[in-house]
């Protein structure tokens, strides 16, 4: 009996050991390099310009791309999925996280690597190709990465971003992507801003606002994100005649209509009809409203963002350059700009007076 029990224990230990070895073998098998493949060598931008193989000229391309020494001002930040590694210089990608690219066709774009990849890539046992180079992570088609760089100012058809080097090209596990960590906090704040802006203007959203990220920078304990919001909205529904712009005119007619000339009364009535039509459209036909905003927050040395420190500013469209004002001031300005019953009343009176003044004298 004891012998049988001992044999059973030995068999169990062997099975566990074999299972562990098989698991280890299987794990290694999926990442084992079984050879290398050649990667086409791409021409650098200076050579492309010289040979006329690019639509861009020296004047279009940021200086650091051509000389490798000028300062870099990042204005492109995105999480991307690698579609194709075309050569050691160029990668075709799908842009996953929001970014401001007004002419973008779909979500495809191209990355130009100022520091090229190796001209040899590893072929793994599962058939995938792992591209890389000094400082780069393993770059595999179908996987996601965080990239930062400079967007080509004169890009056509598809966005073209210059990536300064390996530090700006990082592996992106899904749970730590730009979209799902720090940036997500800012996107949530942007959506909240849009909802408050719509409410301040007497409107409401008809769809989830589209939030795009154009740049992110961290400096002196502060993170700043420049974003754009595109919102589809309609005027909040209610009885049209209770809208201040109509209610004031109706009140004027009620008070003074009997004393008005036929021409003056008709002019006010036509004005009311126009506003009824306009408000009906505003309540039923969604229109697009854009909000360029900047969000600033405190961030510690480990990259943790203090959510309570978030501050939102909006570009109020100053005549020259950007002029960001606090969101609270913007909401206040919107509310104060809305037409009141008293203003509408005065407007109807002005219409009646103007028509009466221009009327021909009685025969």
Protein backbone atom coordinates (compact mmCIF):
# COMPACT_ATOMS: atom_id res chain seq x y z
CA UNK A 1 0.00 0.00 0.00
CA UNK A 2 2.80 2.38 0.97
CA UNK A 3 4.65 1.47 -2.24
CA UNK A 4 1.60 2.28 -4.37
CA UNK A 5 1.20 5.60 -2.57
CA UNK A 6 4.87 6.44 -3.14
CA UNK A 7 4.57 5.57 -6.86
CA UNK A 8 1.50 7.80 -7.13
CA UNK A 9 3.36 10.72 -5.55
CA UNK A 10 6.35 10.24 -7.89
CA UNK A 11 4.05 10.16 -10.93
CA UNK A 12 2.29 13.34 -9.75
CA UNK A 13 5.62 15.15 -9.27
CA UNK A 14 6.76 14.08 -12.75
CA UNK A 15 3.50 15.29 -14.30
CA UNK A 16 3.82 18.71 -12.60
CA UNK A 17 7.45 18.96 -13.71
CA UNK A 18 6.57 18.00 -17.30
CA UNK A 19 3.72 20.52 -17.34
CA UNK A 20 6.02 23.28 -16.10
CA UNK A 21 8.64 22.42 -18.70
CA UNK A 22 6.05 22.37 -21.46
CA UNK A 23 4.68 25.75 -20.37
CA UNK A 24 8.19 27.18 -20.27
CA UNK A 25 8.97 25.71 -23.67
CA UNK A 26 5.72 27.06 -25.11
CA UNK A 27 6.35 30.53 -23.67
CA UNK A 28 9.85 30.60 -25.10
CA UNK A 29 8.67 29.26 -28.40
CA UNK A 30 6.39 32.27 -28.99
CA UNK A 31 9.25 34.73 -28.55
CA UNK A 32 12.16 32.77 -29.95
CA UNK A 33 14.08 34.38 -32.79
CA UNK A 34 14.53 31.93 -35.63
CA UNK A 35 16.25 34.22 -38.11
CA UNK A 36 16.48 37.72 -39.50
CA UNK A 37 15.02 39.56 -42.47
CA UNK A 38 16.32 42.51 -44.43
CA UNK A 39 14.53 45.84 -44.00
CA UNK A 40 14.56 48.21 -47.01
CA UNK A 41 16.78 51.19 -46.30
CA UNK A 42 14.80 54.43 -46.58
CA UNK A 43 16.31 57.68 -47.82
CA UNK A 44 16.51 60.46 -45.26
CA UNK A 45 14.46 63.58 -45.90
CA UNK A 46 17.37 65.59 -47.30
CA UNK A 47 18.01 62.86 -49.89
CA UNK A 48 14.31 62.60 -50.72
CA UNK A 49 14.15 66.35 -51.33
CA UNK A 50 17.32 66.26 -53.45
CA UNK A 51 16.02 63.36 -55.56
CA UNK A 52 12.55 64.84 -55.86
CA UNK A 53 10.90 61.77 -54.35
CA UNK A 54 8.91 63.82 -51.82
CA UNK A 55 6.33 66.57 -52.28
CA UNK A 56 8.03 68.60 -49.55
CA UNK A 57 10.88 71.07 -49.98
CA UNK A 58 13.62 72.21 -47.62
CA UNK A 59 11.49 75.18 -46.58
CA UNK A 60 8.58 72.92 -45.60
CA UNK A 61 10.55 70.56 -43.37
CA UNK A 62 11.48 71.41 -39.74
CA UNK A 63 15.18 72.22 -39.46
CA UNK A 64 15.91 69.51 -36.87
CA UNK A 65 14.85 66.85 -39.37
CA UNK A 66 17.49 67.99 -41.84
CA UNK A 67 20.38 68.98 -39.56
CA UNK A 68 19.70 66.92 -36.46
CA UNK A 69 20.71 69.76 -34.16
CA UNK A 70 17.92 72.36 -34.00
CA UNK A 71 15.51 72.38 -31.09
CA UNK A 72 12.34 70.30 -31.36
CA UNK A 73 8.91 71.67 -30.44
CA UNK A 74 6.52 68.74 -30.20
CA UNK A 75 3.02 69.33 -31.55
CA UNK A 76 1.95 65.76 -32.35
CA UNK A 77 1.07 63.27 -29.65
CA UNK A 78 -0.85 60.07 -30.32
CA UNK A 79 -1.30 56.40 -29.63
CA UNK A 80 -0.88 54.58 -32.94
CA UNK A 81 -1.15 51.03 -34.25
CA UNK A 82 1.61 49.99 -36.64
CA UNK A 83 0.17 48.88 -39.98
CA UNK A 84 3.33 48.51 -42.07
CA UNK A 85 7.03 49.14 -41.59
CA UNK A 86 7.80 50.37 -45.10
CA UNK A 87 11.53 50.83 -44.59
CA UNK A 88 14.05 51.94 -41.98
CA UNK A 89 12.68 55.49 -42.15
CA UNK A 90 8.92 55.27 -42.70
CA UNK A 91 6.11 53.50 -40.84
CA UNK A 92 2.45 53.52 -41.85
CA UNK A 93 0.13 53.71 -38.84
CA UNK A 94 -3.48 53.91 -37.72
CA UNK A 95 -4.04 56.79 -35.30
CA UNK A 96 -5.94 55.50 -32.27
CA UNK A 97 -5.98 58.38 -29.81
CA UNK A 98 -7.39 61.84 -30.54
CA UNK A 99 -5.22 64.35 -32.32
CA UNK A 100 -5.94 67.52 -34.27
CA UNK A 101 -5.64 66.66 -37.96
CA UNK A 102 -8.31 68.64 -39.80
CA UNK A 103 -7.77 67.18 -43.29
CA UNK A 104 -7.35 63.62 -42.09
CA UNK A 105 -8.82 60.92 -44.35
CA UNK A 106 -9.82 58.11 -42.04
CA UNK A 107 -7.28 57.46 -39.29
CA UNK A 108 -4.19 56.52 -41.31
CA UNK A 109 -0.92 58.42 -41.22
CA UNK A 110 2.84 58.08 -41.67
CA UNK A 111 5.74 58.39 -39.24
CA UNK A 112 9.16 59.55 -40.40
CA UNK A 113 11.90 58.32 -38.06
CA UNK A 114 14.73 60.84 -37.78
CA UNK A 115 16.82 58.05 -36.24
CA UNK A 116 16.36 55.07 -38.59
CA UNK A 117 15.57 51.52 -37.57
CA UNK A 118 18.08 48.72 -38.05
CA UNK A 119 18.28 47.30 -41.56
CA UNK A 120 17.83 43.85 -40.00
CA UNK A 121 14.66 42.68 -38.26
CA UNK A 122 14.09 39.56 -36.21
CA UNK A 123 11.79 36.84 -37.45
CA UNK A 124 10.07 35.18 -34.52
CA UNK A 125 8.96 31.57 -34.32
CA UNK A 126 5.29 32.54 -34.58
CA UNK A 127 5.97 34.16 -37.96
CA UNK A 128 5.85 37.79 -36.84
CA UNK A 129 8.60 40.27 -37.63
CA UNK A 130 10.06 42.37 -34.82
CA UNK A 131 11.63 45.60 -36.07
CA UNK A 132 13.88 47.73 -33.89
CA UNK A 133 17.08 49.63 -33.49
CA UNK A 134 19.23 51.29 -30.86
CA UNK A 135 16.84 52.46 -28.13
CA UNK A 136 13.65 51.43 -29.94
CA UNK A 137 11.21 48.91 -28.47
CA UNK A 138 10.26 45.83 -30.48
CA UNK A 139 8.07 47.21 -33.25
CA UNK A 140 5.57 44.64 -34.48
CA UNK A 141 2.81 45.22 -37.00
CA UNK A 142 -0.59 45.28 -35.32
CA UNK A 143 0.72 46.46 -31.95
CA UNK A 144 0.19 49.91 -30.39
CA UNK A 145 2.75 52.54 -29.42
CA UNK A 146 2.84 56.06 -27.98
CA UNK A 147 4.59 58.52 -30.29
CA UNK A 148 5.47 62.20 -30.02
CA UNK A 149 6.86 64.43 -32.72
CA UNK A 150 6.20 67.25 -35.14
CA UNK A 151 3.43 67.25 -37.74
CA UNK A 152 4.43 68.20 -41.30
CA UNK A 153 3.03 71.75 -41.78
CA UNK A 154 2.12 71.22 -45.44
CA UNK A 155 1.04 67.59 -45.30
CA UNK A 156 -1.38 66.40 -47.96
CA UNK A 157 -3.87 63.52 -48.07
CA UNK A 158 -2.57 61.80 -44.94
CA UNK A 159 -0.84 63.24 -41.84
CA UNK A 160 2.95 62.94 -41.81
CA UNK A 161 4.73 63.20 -38.46
CA UNK A 162 8.47 63.48 -37.79
CA UNK A 163 9.58 61.40 -34.78
CA UNK A 164 12.86 62.80 -33.34
CA UNK A 165 14.18 59.51 -31.95
CA UNK A 166 13.62 56.36 -29.85
CA UNK A 167 12.56 58.23 -26.66
CA UNK A 168 9.52 59.48 -28.60
CA UNK A 169 8.51 55.97 -29.69
CA UNK A 170 7.30 53.85 -26.77
CA UNK A 171 5.58 50.51 -26.28
CA UNK A 172 1.94 50.98 -25.30
CA UNK A 173 0.20 48.30 -23.25
CA UNK A 174 -3.54 48.89 -23.61
CA UNK A 175 -3.96 49.68 -19.93
CA UNK A 176 -1.27 52.41 -19.97
CA UNK A 177 -1.88 54.11 -23.31
CA UNK A 178 -2.03 57.88 -23.56
CA UNK A 179 -5.74 57.64 -24.20
CA UNK A 180 -6.53 55.54 -21.15
CA UNK A 181 -4.33 57.21 -18.51
CA UNK A 182 -3.39 60.88 -18.10
CA UNK A 183 -4.92 62.12 -21.33
CA UNK A 184 -8.23 60.45 -20.48
CA UNK A 185 -8.54 62.70 -17.43
CA UNK A 186 -8.13 65.76 -19.64
CA UNK A 187 -10.61 64.43 -22.20
CA UNK A 188 -13.19 63.94 -19.43
CA UNK A 189 -12.63 67.55 -18.36
CA UNK A 190 -13.03 68.70 -21.95
CA UNK A 191 -16.35 66.90 -22.30
CA UNK A 192 -17.56 68.46 -19.06
CA UNK A 193 -16.54 71.87 -20.40
CA UNK A 194 -18.55 71.28 -23.58
CA UNK A 195 -21.66 70.35 -21.62
CA UNK A 196 -21.38 73.48 -19.46
CA UNK A 197 -20.75 75.70 -22.49
CA UNK A 198 -23.84 74.33 -24.21
CA UNK A 199 -25.97 74.88 -21.11
CA UNK A 200 -24.69 78.44 -20.76
CA UNK A 201 -25.80 79.17 -24.32
CA UNK A 202 -29.22 77.56 -23.87
CA UNK A 203 -28.28 74.57 -26.03
CA UNK A 204 -27.67 70.88 -25.43
CA UNK A 205 -25.53 68.24 -27.13
CA UNK A 206 -27.12 65.87 -29.63
CA UNK A 207 -24.12 63.55 -29.78
CA UNK A 208 -20.94 62.78 -27.87
CA UNK A 209 -18.52 65.68 -28.51
CA UNK A 210 -15.40 64.86 -30.53
CA UNK A 211 -12.34 65.77 -28.47
CA UNK A 212 -8.97 66.03 -30.18
CA UNK A 213 -5.50 66.51 -28.70
CA UNK A 214 -3.03 68.72 -30.56
CA UNK A 215 -0.18 68.88 -28.04
CA UNK A 216 0.89 67.95 -24.52
CA UNK A 217 3.81 69.24 -22.53
CA UNK A 218 5.08 68.90 -18.97
CA UNK A 219 7.18 71.69 -17.53
CA UNK A 220 7.94 72.93 -14.00
CA UNK A 221 5.45 70.63 -12.32
CA UNK A 222 2.63 71.50 -14.73
CA UNK A 223 1.05 69.50 -17.51
CA UNK A 224 -0.59 71.48 -20.30
CA UNK A 225 -2.78 69.92 -22.97
CA UNK A 226 -4.09 71.85 -25.98
CA UNK A 227 -7.34 70.36 -27.25
CA UNK A 228 -10.17 71.00 -29.64
CA UNK A 229 -13.83 70.11 -29.15
CA UNK A 230 -16.38 69.72 -31.93
CA UNK A 231 -19.93 69.53 -30.63
CA UNK A 232 -23.22 68.93 -32.42
CA UNK A 233 -25.96 70.83 -30.63
CA UNK A 234 -29.50 72.21 -30.79
CA UNK A 235 -31.33 74.91 -28.90
CA UNK A 236 -33.02 73.46 -25.83
CA UNK A 237 -36.66 72.88 -26.75
CA UNK A 238 -39.60 74.77 -25.33
CA UNK A 239 -42.55 76.88 -26.58
CA UNK A 240 -41.10 79.03 -29.33
CA UNK A 241 -43.09 82.09 -28.31
CA UNK A 242 -41.60 81.90 -24.82
CA UNK A 243 -38.10 82.39 -26.21
CA UNK A 244 -36.97 85.90 -25.15
CA UNK A 245 -36.20 87.01 -28.71
CA UNK A 246 -39.86 86.37 -29.66
CA UNK A 247 -41.57 87.04 -26.32
CA UNK A 248 -40.33 90.63 -26.25
CA UNK A 249 -41.58 91.37 -29.75
CA UNK A 250 -44.98 89.85 -29.01
CA UNK A 251 -45.20 91.95 -25.86
CA UNK A 252 -44.42 95.08 -27.88
CA UNK A 253 -47.22 94.27 -30.34
CA UNK A 254 -49.63 93.70 -27.48
CA UNK A 255 -48.73 97.06 -25.92
CA UNK A 256 -48.51 99.21 -29.05
CA UNK A 257 -49.95 97.25 -31.97
CA UNK A 258 -53.21 99.19 -32.13
CA UNK A 259 -51.35 102.48 -32.52
CA UNK A 260 -48.97 101.28 -35.24
CA UNK A 261 -49.42 101.90 -38.91
CA UNK A 262 -50.26 98.86 -41.04
CA UNK A 263 -46.72 98.89 -42.50
CA UNK A 264 -45.03 99.13 -39.11
CA UNK A 265 -47.20 96.38 -37.63
CA UNK A 266 -46.49 94.10 -40.61
CA UNK A 267 -42.74 94.74 -40.27
CA UNK A 268 -42.81 93.63 -36.63
CA UNK A 269 -45.00 90.61 -37.47
CA UNK A 270 -42.61 89.63 -40.30
CA UNK A 271 -39.71 89.91 -37.87
CA UNK A 272 -41.51 87.62 -35.43
CA UNK A 273 -42.21 85.11 -38.23
CA UNK A 274 -38.53 85.13 -39.16
CA UNK A 275 -37.44 84.41 -35.59
CA UNK A 276 -40.06 81.68 -35.19
CA UNK A 277 -38.60 79.95 -38.25
CA UNK A 278 -35.03 80.49 -37.05
CA UNK A 279 -35.73 79.12 -33.58
CA UNK A 280 -37.62 76.12 -34.98
CA UNK A 281 -34.52 75.29 -37.05
CA UNK A 282 -32.20 75.85 -34.07
CA UNK A 283 -34.29 73.43 -32.01
CA UNK A 284 -34.48 70.72 -34.65
CA UNK A 285 -31.41 70.91 -36.92
CA UNK A 286 -28.09 70.12 -35.18
CA UNK A 287 -25.23 72.49 -35.92
CA UNK A 288 -21.52 72.22 -35.18
CA UNK A 289 -19.83 74.35 -32.55
CA UNK A 290 -16.06 74.32 -32.01
CA UNK A 291 -14.23 75.08 -28.77
CA UNK A 292 -10.40 75.44 -28.77
CA UNK A 293 -9.32 74.88 -25.16
CA UNK A 294 -6.26 74.51 -22.97
CA UNK A 295 -6.24 72.44 -19.78
CA UNK A 296 -3.52 72.82 -17.16
CA UNK A 297 -2.91 70.64 -14.07
CA UNK A 298 -0.25 70.00 -11.47
CA UNK A 299 1.86 66.88 -12.02
CA UNK A 300 4.51 65.33 -9.76
CA UNK A 301 7.89 63.88 -10.74
CA UNK A 302 6.33 60.41 -11.14
CA UNK A 303 3.82 61.74 -13.66
CA UNK A 304 0.81 61.59 -11.33
CA UNK A 305 -1.77 64.26 -12.12
CA UNK A 306 -3.58 66.15 -9.38
CA UNK A 307 -7.18 66.05 -10.63
CA UNK A 308 -8.24 68.79 -8.21
CA UNK A 309 -5.81 71.22 -9.85
CA UNK A 310 -7.33 70.98 -13.35
CA UNK A 311 -7.95 74.41 -14.86
CA UNK A 312 -9.70 74.91 -18.21
CA UNK A 313 -9.19 77.89 -20.51
CA UNK A 314 -10.75 78.66 -23.89
CA UNK A 315 -9.44 80.70 -26.80
CA UNK A 316 -12.04 83.45 -27.16
CA UNK A 317 -10.95 84.30 -30.69
CA UNK A 318 -8.91 87.44 -30.19
CA UNK A 319 -8.11 89.33 -33.37
CA UNK A 320 -4.39 88.58 -33.16
CA UNK A 321 -3.19 85.18 -32.04
CA UNK A 322 -4.60 83.09 -29.23
CA UNK A 323 -6.14 84.62 -26.15
CA UNK A 324 -7.15 82.06 -23.55
CA UNK A 325 -9.57 83.07 -20.81
CA UNK A 326 -10.82 81.00 -17.83
CA UNK A 327 -13.79 78.76 -18.58
CA UNK A 328 -15.87 80.39 -15.83
CA UNK A 329 -15.45 83.79 -17.50
CA UNK A 330 -16.41 82.29 -20.86
CA UNK A 331 -19.63 80.80 -19.43
CA UNK A 332 -20.48 84.15 -17.84
CA UNK A 333 -19.91 85.97 -21.14
CA UNK A 334 -22.15 83.52 -23.02
CA UNK A 335 -24.99 83.97 -20.54
CA UNK A 336 -24.70 87.75 -20.62
CA UNK A 337 -24.74 87.73 -24.44
CA UNK A 338 -28.09 85.95 -24.66
CA UNK A 339 -30.97 88.19 -25.79
CA UNK A 340 -33.37 89.24 -23.05
CA UNK A 341 -37.09 90.01 -23.33
CA UNK A 342 -36.33 93.69 -22.74
CA UNK A 343 -33.78 93.78 -25.58
CA UNK A 344 -36.20 92.05 -27.94
CA UNK A 345 -38.93 94.50 -26.96
CA UNK A 346 -36.62 97.41 -27.78
CA UNK A 347 -35.66 95.79 -31.09
CA UNK A 348 -39.32 95.51 -32.15
CA UNK A 349 -39.83 99.15 -31.22
CA UNK A 350 -36.80 100.12 -33.32
CA UNK A 351 -38.17 98.21 -36.34
CA UNK A 352 -41.56 99.95 -36.04
CA UNK A 353 -39.99 103.41 -35.70
CA UNK A 354 -37.70 102.86 -38.69
CA UNK A 355 -40.56 101.72 -40.93
CA UNK A 356 -42.73 104.62 -39.81
CA UNK A 357 -39.92 107.11 -40.48
CA UNK A 358 -39.38 105.74 -44.00
CA UNK A 359 -43.09 105.57 -44.88
CA UNK A 360 -44.25 107.97 -47.62
CA UNK A 361 -46.29 110.93 -46.39
CA UNK A 362 -50.07 110.56 -46.61
CA UNK A 363 -51.62 111.99 -49.78
